[in-house]
C-alpha atoms as a PDB file:
ATOM      1  CA  MET A   1     113.855 112.722  87.315  1.00  0.00           C
ATOM      2  CA  THR A   2     116.608 110.928  89.277  1.00  0.00           C
ATOM      3  CA  SER A   3     115.008 111.839  92.608  1.00  0.00           C
ATOM      4  CA  PHE A   4     111.669 110.555  91.287  1.00  0.00           C
ATOM      5  CA  LEU A   5     113.242 107.205  90.346  1.00  0.00           C
ATOM      6  CA  THR A   6     114.856 107.031  93.793  1.00  0.00           C
ATOM      7  CA  ARG A   7     111.438 107.533  95.412  1.00  0.00           C
ATOM      8  CA  VAL A   8     109.874 104.845  93.219  1.00  0.00           C
ATOM      9  CA  ALA A   9     112.694 102.422  94.103  1.00  0.00           C
ATOM     10  CA  ALA A  10     112.224 103.151  97.833  1.00  0.00           C
ATOM     11  CA  ALA A  11     108.458 102.605  97.559  1.00  0.00           C
ATOM     12  CA  VAL A  12     108.981  99.285  95.749  1.00  0.00           C
ATOM     13  CA  ALA A  13     111.519  98.159  98.372  1.00  0.00           C
ATOM     14  CA  CYS A  14     109.127  99.031 101.226  1.00  0.00           C
ATOM     15  CA  THR A  15     106.291  97.194  99.462  1.00  0.00           C
ATOM     16  CA  VAL A  16     108.414  94.053  98.987  1.00  0.00           C
ATOM     17  CA  LEU A  17     109.456  94.099 102.658  1.00  0.00           C
ATOM     18  CA  ALA A  18     105.863  94.604 103.829  1.00  0.00           C
ATOM     19  CA  HIS A  19     104.637  91.855 101.487  1.00  0.00           C
ATOM     20  CA  SER A  20     107.272  89.420 102.823  1.00  0.00           C
ATOM     21  CA  SER A  21     106.182  90.163 106.391  1.00  0.00           C
ATOM     22  CA  VAL A  22     102.498  89.654 105.537  1.00  0.00           C
ATOM     23  CA  ILE A  23     103.185  86.333 103.813  1.00  0.00           C
ATOM     24  CA  ALA A  24     105.191  85.152 106.828  1.00  0.00           C
ATOM     25  CA  GLN A  25     102.194  85.965 109.079  1.00  0.00           C
ATOM     26  CA  GLY A  26      99.694  84.212 106.769  1.00  0.00           C
ATOM     27  CA  ARG A  27      97.570  87.341 106.215  1.00  0.00           C
ATOM     28  CA  GLY A  28      96.173  88.230 102.826  1.00  0.00           C
ATOM     29  CA  VAL A  29      96.879  91.207 100.613  1.00  0.00           C
ATOM     30  CA  GLU A  30      94.317  93.605  99.136  1.00  0.00           C
ATOM     31  CA  LEU A  31      95.151  94.680  95.576  1.00  0.00           C
ATOM     32  CA  GLY A  32      93.119  97.495  94.090  1.00  0.00           C
ATOM     33  CA  ILE A  33      92.712 100.130  91.456  1.00  0.00           C
ATOM     34  CA  ASP A  34      90.723 103.339  91.862  1.00  0.00           C
ATOM     35  CA  ALA A  35      89.157 105.945  89.622  1.00  0.00           C
ATOM     36  CA  GLY A  36      89.100 109.367  91.182  1.00  0.00           C
ATOM     37  CA  VAL A  37      88.167 113.021  91.204  1.00  0.00           C
ATOM     38  CA  PHE A  38      90.412 115.472  93.019  1.00  0.00           C
ATOM     39  CA  VAL A  39      89.984 119.238  93.470  1.00  0.00           C
ATOM     40  CA  GLN A  40      92.923 121.333  94.692  1.00  0.00           C
ATOM     41  CA  SER A  41      92.871 125.020  95.539  1.00  0.00           C
ATOM     42  CA  ALA A  42      95.440 127.645  96.512  1.00  0.00           C
ATOM     43  CA  ASP A  43      95.611 131.412  96.250  1.00  0.00           C
ATOM     44  CA  GLY A  44      92.093 131.727  94.824  1.00  0.00           C
ATOM     45  CA  SER A  45      92.571 129.312  91.912  1.00  0.00           C
ATOM     46  CA  SER A  46      91.618 125.661  91.653  1.00  0.00           C
ATOM     47  CA  VAL A  47      92.490 122.588  89.585  1.00  0.00           C
ATOM     48  CA  THR A  48      90.153 119.637  89.071  1.00  0.00           C
ATOM     49  CA  THR A  49      91.567 116.272  87.987  1.00  0.00           C
ATOM     50  CA  ILE A  50      89.399 113.339  86.859  1.00  0.00           C
ATOM     51  CA  ASN A  51      91.066 109.954  86.297  1.00  0.00           C
ATOM     52  CA  ILE A  52      88.958 107.156  84.802  1.00  0.00           C
ATOM     53  CA  PRO A  53      89.470 104.184  84.803  1.00  0.00           C
ATOM     54  CA  ALA A  54      92.538 104.469  87.029  1.00  0.00           C
ATOM     55  CA  GLN A  55      93.972 107.153  89.280  1.00  0.00           C
ATOM     56  CA  SER A  56      96.183 104.822  91.282  1.00  0.00           C
ATOM     57  CA  PHE A  57      97.148 101.247  92.032  1.00  0.00           C
ATOM     58  CA  ARG A  58      97.277 100.203  95.685  1.00  0.00           C
ATOM     59  CA  ALA A  59      98.348  97.183  97.706  1.00  0.00           C
ATOM     60  CA  GLY A  60      97.035  96.760 101.252  1.00  0.00           C
ATOM     61  CA  PHE A  61      99.065  94.643 103.655  1.00  0.00           C
ATOM     62  CA  PHE A  62      97.061  93.513 106.696  1.00  0.00           C
ATOM     63  CA  LEU A  63      99.049  94.026 109.874  1.00  0.00           C
ATOM     64  CA  SER A  64      96.107  92.783 111.965  1.00  0.00           C
ATOM     65  CA  ASP A  65      92.368  92.240 111.436  1.00  0.00           C
ATOM     66  CA  LYS A  66      91.784  95.977 111.969  1.00  0.00           C
ATOM     67  CA  LEU A  67      94.929  97.584 110.505  1.00  0.00           C
ATOM     68  CA  SER A  68      96.416  97.536 107.019  1.00  0.00           C
ATOM     69  CA  LEU A  69      99.340  99.435 105.533  1.00  0.00           C
ATOM     70  CA  GLU A  70      98.545 100.594 102.012  1.00  0.00           C
ATOM     71  CA  PRO A  71     101.189 101.982  99.639  1.00  0.00           C
ATOM     72  CA  SER A  72      99.894 103.402  96.356  1.00  0.00           C
ATOM     73  CA  VAL A  73     101.333 104.717  93.107  1.00  0.00           C
ATOM     74  CA  GLY A  74      99.939 106.648  90.167  1.00  0.00           C
ATOM     75  CA  ILE A  75     101.732 107.775  87.002  1.00  0.00           C
ATOM     76  CA  SER A  76     100.357 109.674  84.012  1.00  0.00           C
ATOM     77  CA  TYR A  77     102.206 110.687  80.837  1.00  0.00           C
ATOM     78  CA  THR A  78     100.832 113.275  78.380  1.00  0.00           C
ATOM     79  CA  SER A  79     102.324 114.377  75.075  1.00  0.00           C
ATOM     80  CA  VAL A  80     100.989 117.187  72.882  1.00  0.00           C
ATOM     81  CA  GLU A  81     102.987 117.867  69.723  1.00  0.00           C
ATOM     82  CA  ASP A  82     106.506 118.782  70.930  1.00  0.00           C
ATOM     83  CA  PHE A  83     105.605 119.139  74.617  1.00  0.00           C
ATOM     84  CA  SER A  84     105.246 116.284  77.112  1.00  0.00           C
ATOM     85  CA  PHE A  85     104.910 115.943  80.861  1.00  0.00           C
ATOM     86  CA  THR A  86     104.568 113.272  83.509  1.00  0.00           C
ATOM     87  CA  THR A  87     102.588 113.517  86.714  1.00  0.00           C
ATOM     88  CA  TYR A  88     103.280 111.074  89.503  1.00  0.00           C
ATOM     89  CA  GLY A  89     102.166 110.310  93.021  1.00  0.00           C
ATOM     90  CA  LEU A  90     103.344 107.993  95.767  1.00  0.00           C
ATOM     91  CA  GLY A  91     101.466 107.504  98.996  1.00  0.00           C
ATOM     92  CA  VAL A  92     101.073 105.396 102.092  1.00  0.00           C
ATOM     93  CA  GLY A  93      97.866 105.087 104.062  1.00  0.00           C
ATOM     94  CA  LEU A  94      97.143 103.277 107.316  1.00  0.00           C
ATOM     95  CA  LEU A  95      93.617 101.878 107.180  1.00  0.00           C
ATOM     96  CA  TYR A  96      91.779 101.323 110.439  1.00  0.00           C
ATOM     97  CA  HIS A  97      88.771  99.058 109.785  1.00  0.00           C
ATOM     98  CA  LEU A  98      85.867  99.692 112.142  1.00  0.00           C
ATOM     99  CA  THR A  99      84.665  96.120 111.572  1.00  0.00           C
ATOM    100  CA  THR A 100      86.710  93.006 110.797  1.00  0.00           C
ATOM    101  CA  ASP A 101      84.072  90.841 109.050  1.00  0.00           C
ATOM    102  CA  ARG A 102      84.891  90.954 105.316  1.00  0.00           C
ATOM    103  CA  ASP A 103      81.559  89.303 104.474  1.00  0.00           C
ATOM    104  CA  ARG A 104      79.804  92.557 105.449  1.00  0.00           C
ATOM    105  CA  PRO A 105      80.451  96.182 104.438  1.00  0.00           C
ATOM    106  CA  GLN A 106      83.590  97.508 106.149  1.00  0.00           C
ATOM    107  CA  VAL A 107      83.940 101.175 107.011  1.00  0.00           C
ATOM    108  CA  PHE A 108      87.518 102.420 107.364  1.00  0.00           C
ATOM    109  CA  LEU A 109      89.420 105.526 108.452  1.00  0.00           C
ATOM    110  CA  ARG A 110      92.668 106.362 106.666  1.00  0.00           C
ATOM    111  CA  PRO A 111      95.414 108.802 107.687  1.00  0.00           C
ATOM    112  CA  LEU A 112      97.904 109.199 104.839  1.00  0.00           C
ATOM    113  CA  ILE A 113     101.154 110.735 103.682  1.00  0.00           C
ATOM    114  CA  GLY A 114     102.349 111.147 100.133  1.00  0.00           C
ATOM    115  CA  TYR A 115     104.469 112.871  97.556  1.00  0.00           C
ATOM    116  CA  SER A 116     103.374 114.007  94.111  1.00  0.00           C
ATOM    117  CA  GLY A 117     104.813 116.082  91.352  1.00  0.00           C
ATOM    118  CA  VAL A 118     105.135 116.988  87.712  1.00  0.00           C
ATOM    119  CA  SER A 119     108.097 116.460  85.441  1.00  0.00           C
ATOM    120  CA  ALA A 120     108.336 118.333  82.113  1.00  0.00           C
ATOM    121  CA  GLU A 121     111.111 119.385  79.765  1.00  0.00           C
ATOM    122  CA  GLY A 122     113.833 118.184  82.129  1.00  0.00           C
ATOM    123  CA  GLU A 123     112.401 120.064  85.142  1.00  0.00           C
ATOM    124  CA  SER A 124     110.633 118.435  88.070  1.00  0.00           C
ATOM    125  CA  ASN A 125     108.509 119.986  90.800  1.00  0.00           C
ATOM    126  CA  GLY A 126     106.756 118.194  93.632  1.00  0.00           C
ATOM    127  CA  SER A 127     105.709 118.336  97.258  1.00  0.00           C
ATOM    128  CA  ALA A 128     104.810 116.163 100.221  1.00  0.00           C
ATOM    129  CA  ALA A 129     101.268 115.893 101.549  1.00  0.00           C
ATOM    130  CA  VAL A 130      99.468 114.740 104.683  1.00  0.00           C
ATOM    131  CA  GLY A 131      95.799 113.938 104.899  1.00  0.00           C
ATOM    132  CA  PHE A 132      92.896 111.943 106.195  1.00  0.00           C
ATOM    133  CA  GLY A 133      90.196 109.895 104.514  1.00  0.00           C
ATOM    134  CA  ALA A 134      87.309 107.566 105.157  1.00  0.00           C
ATOM    135  CA  GLY A 135      85.455 105.049 103.068  1.00  0.00           C
ATOM    136  CA  ALA A 136      83.845 101.658 102.805  1.00  0.00           C
ATOM    137  CA  LYS A 137      84.408  98.296 101.152  1.00  0.00           C
ATOM    138  CA  ILE A 138      81.287  96.506  99.925  1.00  0.00           C
ATOM    139  CA  PRO A 139      81.923  92.748  99.385  1.00  0.00           C
ATOM    140  CA  GLN A 140      81.084  91.249  95.997  1.00  0.00           C
ATOM    141  CA  GLY A 141      81.786  87.590  96.748  1.00  0.00           C
ATOM    142  CA  ASP A 142      84.673  85.920  98.578  1.00  0.00           C
ATOM    143  CA  ARG A 143      87.607  87.906  97.204  1.00  0.00           C
ATOM    144  CA  LEU A 144      86.194  91.014  95.536  1.00  0.00           C
ATOM    145  CA  ALA A 145      84.884  94.277  96.928  1.00  0.00           C
ATOM    146  CA  ILE A 146      83.714  97.615  95.581  1.00  0.00           C
ATOM    147  CA  ARG A 147      85.482 100.400  97.453  1.00  0.00           C
ATOM    148  CA  PHE A 148      84.653 104.073  97.722  1.00  0.00           C
ATOM    149  CA  GLY A 149      86.170 106.829  99.746  1.00  0.00           C
ATOM    150  CA  ALA A 150      86.645 110.536 100.342  1.00  0.00           C
ATOM    151  CA  GLU A 151      89.741 112.362 101.555  1.00  0.00           C
ATOM    152  CA  TYR A 152      91.309 115.679 102.421  1.00  0.00           C
ATOM    153  CA  GLN A 153      94.974 116.372 101.666  1.00  0.00           C
ATOM    154  CA  ARG A 154      97.199 119.279 102.563  1.00  0.00           C
ATOM    155  CA  ARG A 155     100.131 119.636 100.176  1.00  0.00           C
ATOM    156  CA  LEU A 156     102.988 121.175 102.088  1.00  0.00           C
ATOM    157  CA  GLU A 157     104.815 124.287 100.948  1.00  0.00           C
ATOM    158  CA  ASP A 158     108.069 123.365  99.215  1.00  0.00           C
ATOM    159  CA  GLY A 159     110.264 126.153  97.876  1.00  0.00           C
ATOM    160  CA  SER A 160     108.329 127.779  95.056  1.00  0.00           C
ATOM    161  CA  THR A 161     105.324 125.459  95.506  1.00  0.00           C
ATOM    162  CA  PRO A 162     102.685 126.973  97.826  1.00  0.00           C
ATOM    163  CA  ALA A 163     100.664 124.943 100.331  1.00  0.00           C
ATOM    164  CA  ILE A 164      97.566 123.518  98.635  1.00  0.00           C
ATOM    165  CA  ASN A 165      94.313 122.110 100.043  1.00  0.00           C
ATOM    166  CA  GLY A 166      92.728 119.210  98.203  1.00  0.00           C
ATOM    167  CA  PHE A 167      89.540 117.164  98.429  1.00  0.00           C
ATOM    168  CA  GLY A 168      88.999 113.914  96.588  1.00  0.00           C
ATOM    169  CA  ALA A 169      86.618 111.044  96.003  1.00  0.00           C
ATOM    170  CA  THR A 170      87.463 107.569  94.719  1.00  0.00           C
ATOM    171  CA  LEU A 171      85.607 104.544  93.434  1.00  0.00           C
ATOM    172  CA  GLY A 172      87.487 101.309  92.916  1.00  0.00           C
ATOM    173  CA  ILE A 173      87.649  97.577  93.038  1.00  0.00           C
ATOM    174  CA  SER A 174      89.657  95.409  95.422  1.00  0.00           C
ATOM    175  CA  PHE A 175      90.861  91.836  95.070  1.00  0.00           C
ATOM    176  CA  PHE A 176      91.823  89.928  98.229  1.00  0.00           C
ATOM    177  CA  THR A 177      94.444  87.173  98.020  1.00  0.00           C
ATOM    178  CA  ARG A 178      92.985  85.443 101.125  1.00  0.00           C
END
């Protein structure tokens, strides 16, 4: 759990630094929350995860009109009688917007890296991932947008954890500070 807390602290520090830089440049921030479906498969078995209303929280920091850096975090805690576990995920995506006009639908491409894991009964197991996604933001007024996307992730082999392929789809809402 200590390594998990270290990762969360590092992600928060990076987010604060990125946010400070964005404010200094006068660019806005995109804050969002997404519901999602994710299917992972390895060695002939698969796991499907559905998270409604929220799979993750994200903050997009615009580096330019076309590029934004987007850290995200998701945490889930489950307890059943005497057994409990926590799943967590940290990620960073780099969104490349094909159009810059926020008054019209914006299609984006999104390479990403991340780390996710499970912690239960004092044991923790996780792995890094790389992936690619695409999606669109549909404006709903000046500062709101509906956002949907699809992605592929490859969880990397890590000790006893095998490499895993995953496909996901998200539907969310974004709020723009500018």
